[in-house]
Amino acid sequence: MSPADDDDLIRRADLRDLVGIAQLQAMLGRVRGEPVSRTRAQVIAGMKGFPDPLISHPSAEDPQMRLWLRADVEGWLDTNRPGWRRDVP
């Protein structure tokens, strides 16, 4: 394996900390106290500036499944959705 191939490896630890669209819905809805719709989460995930998914299948052009690193999504939320981390009653 060449050093260039290392960029494409997914570490086992990364797999434990992936966020799918359902988790994204819940994270986005924390400020309101309820998840946002799947459609809204998909729109937000497609916005310019939202982190690129770590895994996109079957292709980047027409993804049916996308998974992001939790740290990337949390960083985006910290910047773009202040207050999302607070506990909702």
C-alpha atoms as a PDB file:
ATOM      1  CA  MET A   1       0.000   0.000   0.000  1.00  0.00           C
ATOM      2  CA  SER A   2       1.402   3.389  -0.960  1.00  0.00           C
ATOM      3  CA  PRO A   3       1.249   6.430   1.354  1.00  0.00           C
ATOM      4  CA  ALA A   4      -1.309   8.024  -0.983  1.00  0.00           C
ATOM      5  CA  ASP A   5      -3.670   5.136  -0.267  1.00  0.00           C
ATOM      6  CA  ASP A   6      -3.675   6.041   3.435  1.00  0.00           C
ATOM      7  CA  ASP A   7      -5.939   9.017   2.708  1.00  0.00           C
ATOM      8  CA  ASP A   8      -8.693   6.651   1.581  1.00  0.00           C
ATOM      9  CA  LEU A   9      -8.592   4.355   4.609  1.00  0.00           C
ATOM     10  CA  ILE A  10     -11.375   4.478   7.140  1.00  0.00           C
ATOM     11  CA  ARG A  11     -10.196   3.673  10.620  1.00  0.00           C
ATOM     12  CA  ARG A  12     -12.283   1.327  12.730  1.00  0.00           C
ATOM     13  CA  ALA A  13     -12.648   4.074  15.353  1.00  0.00           C
ATOM     14  CA  ASP A  14     -14.161   6.357  12.688  1.00  0.00           C
ATOM     15  CA  LEU A  15     -16.852   3.771  11.943  1.00  0.00           C
ATOM     16  CA  ARG A  16     -18.106   3.960  15.525  1.00  0.00           C
ATOM     17  CA  ASP A  17     -18.611   7.701  15.267  1.00  0.00           C
ATOM     18  CA  LEU A  18     -20.521   8.103  12.018  1.00  0.00           C
ATOM     19  CA  VAL A  19     -23.733  10.069  11.627  1.00  0.00           C
ATOM     20  CA  GLY A  20     -26.425   9.080   9.152  1.00  0.00           C
ATOM     21  CA  ILE A  21     -29.390  11.124   8.007  1.00  0.00           C
ATOM     22  CA  ALA A  22     -31.578   9.970  10.941  1.00  0.00           C
ATOM     23  CA  GLN A  23     -28.983  11.114  13.476  1.00  0.00           C
ATOM     24  CA  LEU A  24     -28.578  14.368  11.567  1.00  0.00           C
ATOM     25  CA  GLN A  25     -32.343  14.928  11.795  1.00  0.00           C
ATOM     26  CA  ALA A  26     -32.203  14.517  15.572  1.00  0.00           C
ATOM     27  CA  MET A  27     -29.157  16.767  15.944  1.00  0.00           C
ATOM     28  CA  LEU A  28     -30.746  19.513  13.836  1.00  0.00           C
ATOM     29  CA  GLY A  29     -33.967  19.300  15.826  1.00  0.00           C
ATOM     30  CA  ARG A  30     -32.423  19.626  19.277  1.00  0.00           C
ATOM     31  CA  VAL A  31     -33.044  23.379  19.418  1.00  0.00           C
ATOM     32  CA  ARG A  32     -36.761  22.874  18.726  1.00  0.00           C
ATOM     33  CA  GLY A  33     -37.088  19.722  20.771  1.00  0.00           C
ATOM     34  CA  GLU A  34     -38.095  17.479  17.874  1.00  0.00           C
ATOM     35  CA  PRO A  35     -36.304  16.083  14.813  1.00  0.00           C
ATOM     36  CA  VAL A  36     -36.507  17.983  11.552  1.00  0.00           C
ATOM     37  CA  SER A  37     -37.960  16.177   8.549  1.00  0.00           C
ATOM     38  CA  ARG A  38     -35.798  13.824   6.509  1.00  0.00           C
ATOM     39  CA  THR A  39     -36.233  16.113   3.507  1.00  0.00           C
ATOM     40  CA  ARG A  40     -35.036  19.154   5.476  1.00  0.00           C
ATOM     41  CA  ALA A  41     -32.017  17.228   6.797  1.00  0.00           C
ATOM     42  CA  GLN A  42     -31.142  16.173   3.232  1.00  0.00           C
ATOM     43  CA  VAL A  43     -31.416  19.783   2.025  1.00  0.00           C
ATOM     44  CA  ILE A  44     -29.131  20.989   4.815  1.00  0.00           C
ATOM     45  CA  ALA A  45     -26.663  18.153   4.156  1.00  0.00           C
ATOM     46  CA  GLY A  46     -26.495  19.271   0.527  1.00  0.00           C
ATOM     47  CA  MET A  47     -25.793  22.914   1.349  1.00  0.00           C
ATOM     48  CA  LYS A  48     -22.515  24.517   0.422  1.00  0.00           C
ATOM     49  CA  GLY A  49     -20.268  24.446   3.459  1.00  0.00           C
ATOM     50  CA  PHE A  50     -21.814  21.359   5.044  1.00  0.00           C
ATOM     51  CA  PRO A  51     -19.135  18.691   5.602  1.00  0.00           C
ATOM     52  CA  ASP A  52     -18.586  16.179   2.846  1.00  0.00           C
ATOM     53  CA  PRO A  53     -19.726  12.690   3.782  1.00  0.00           C
ATOM     54  CA  LEU A  54     -17.034  10.201   4.694  1.00  0.00           C
ATOM     55  CA  ILE A  55     -19.069   7.513   2.934  1.00  0.00           C
ATOM     56  CA  SER A  56     -21.429   8.086   0.037  1.00  0.00           C
ATOM     57  CA  HIS A  57     -22.997   5.118  -1.704  1.00  0.00           C
ATOM     58  CA  PRO A  58     -23.518   4.265  -4.517  1.00  0.00           C
ATOM     59  CA  SER A  59     -21.953   7.461  -5.885  1.00  0.00           C
ATOM     60  CA  ALA A  60     -21.387  11.083  -4.970  1.00  0.00           C
ATOM     61  CA  GLU A  61     -23.673  12.159  -7.812  1.00  0.00           C
ATOM     62  CA  ASP A  62     -26.674  10.151  -6.595  1.00  0.00           C
ATOM     63  CA  PRO A  63     -26.122   9.074  -3.001  1.00  0.00           C
ATOM     64  CA  GLN A  64     -28.650   6.787  -1.413  1.00  0.00           C
ATOM     65  CA  MET A  65     -26.639   6.538   1.774  1.00  0.00           C
ATOM     66  CA  ARG A  66     -24.353   9.157   3.243  1.00  0.00           C
ATOM     67  CA  LEU A  67     -22.414   8.980   6.485  1.00  0.00           C
ATOM     68  CA  TRP A  68     -20.500  11.841   8.085  1.00  0.00           C
ATOM     69  CA  LEU A  69     -17.964  11.977  10.881  1.00  0.00           C
ATOM     70  CA  ARG A  70     -19.777  13.139  14.018  1.00  0.00           C
ATOM     71  CA  ALA A  71     -17.003  15.666  14.810  1.00  0.00           C
ATOM     72  CA  ASP A  72     -17.418  17.282  11.370  1.00  0.00           C
ATOM     73  CA  VAL A  73     -21.193  17.583  11.765  1.00  0.00           C
ATOM     74  CA  GLU A  74     -20.899  18.880  15.324  1.00  0.00           C
ATOM     75  CA  GLY A  75     -18.387  21.507  14.171  1.00  0.00           C
ATOM     76  CA  TRP A  76     -20.772  22.647  11.434  1.00  0.00           C
ATOM     77  CA  LEU A  77     -23.667  22.780  13.892  1.00  0.00           C
ATOM     78  CA  ASP A  78     -21.603  24.780  16.400  1.00  0.00           C
ATOM     79  CA  THR A  79     -20.975  27.389  13.708  1.00  0.00           C
ATOM     80  CA  ASN A  80     -24.334  27.363  11.930  1.00  0.00           C
ATOM     81  CA  ARG A  81     -26.872  26.336  14.590  1.00  0.00           C
ATOM     82  CA  PRO A  82     -25.739  27.919  17.866  1.00  0.00           C
ATOM     83  CA  GLY A  83     -27.506  26.465  20.858  1.00  0.00           C
ATOM     84  CA  TRP A  84     -28.022  23.029  19.361  1.00  0.00           C
ATOM     85  CA  ARG A  85     -26.063  21.384  22.194  1.00  0.00           C
ATOM     86  CA  ARG A  86     -28.268  22.639  25.015  1.00  0.00           C
ATOM     87  CA  ASP A  87     -30.624  20.224  26.671  1.00  0.00           C
ATOM     88  CA  VAL A  88     -34.202  20.448  25.527  1.00  0.00           C
ATOM     89  CA  PRO A  89     -36.908  19.788  28.152  1.00  0.00           C
END
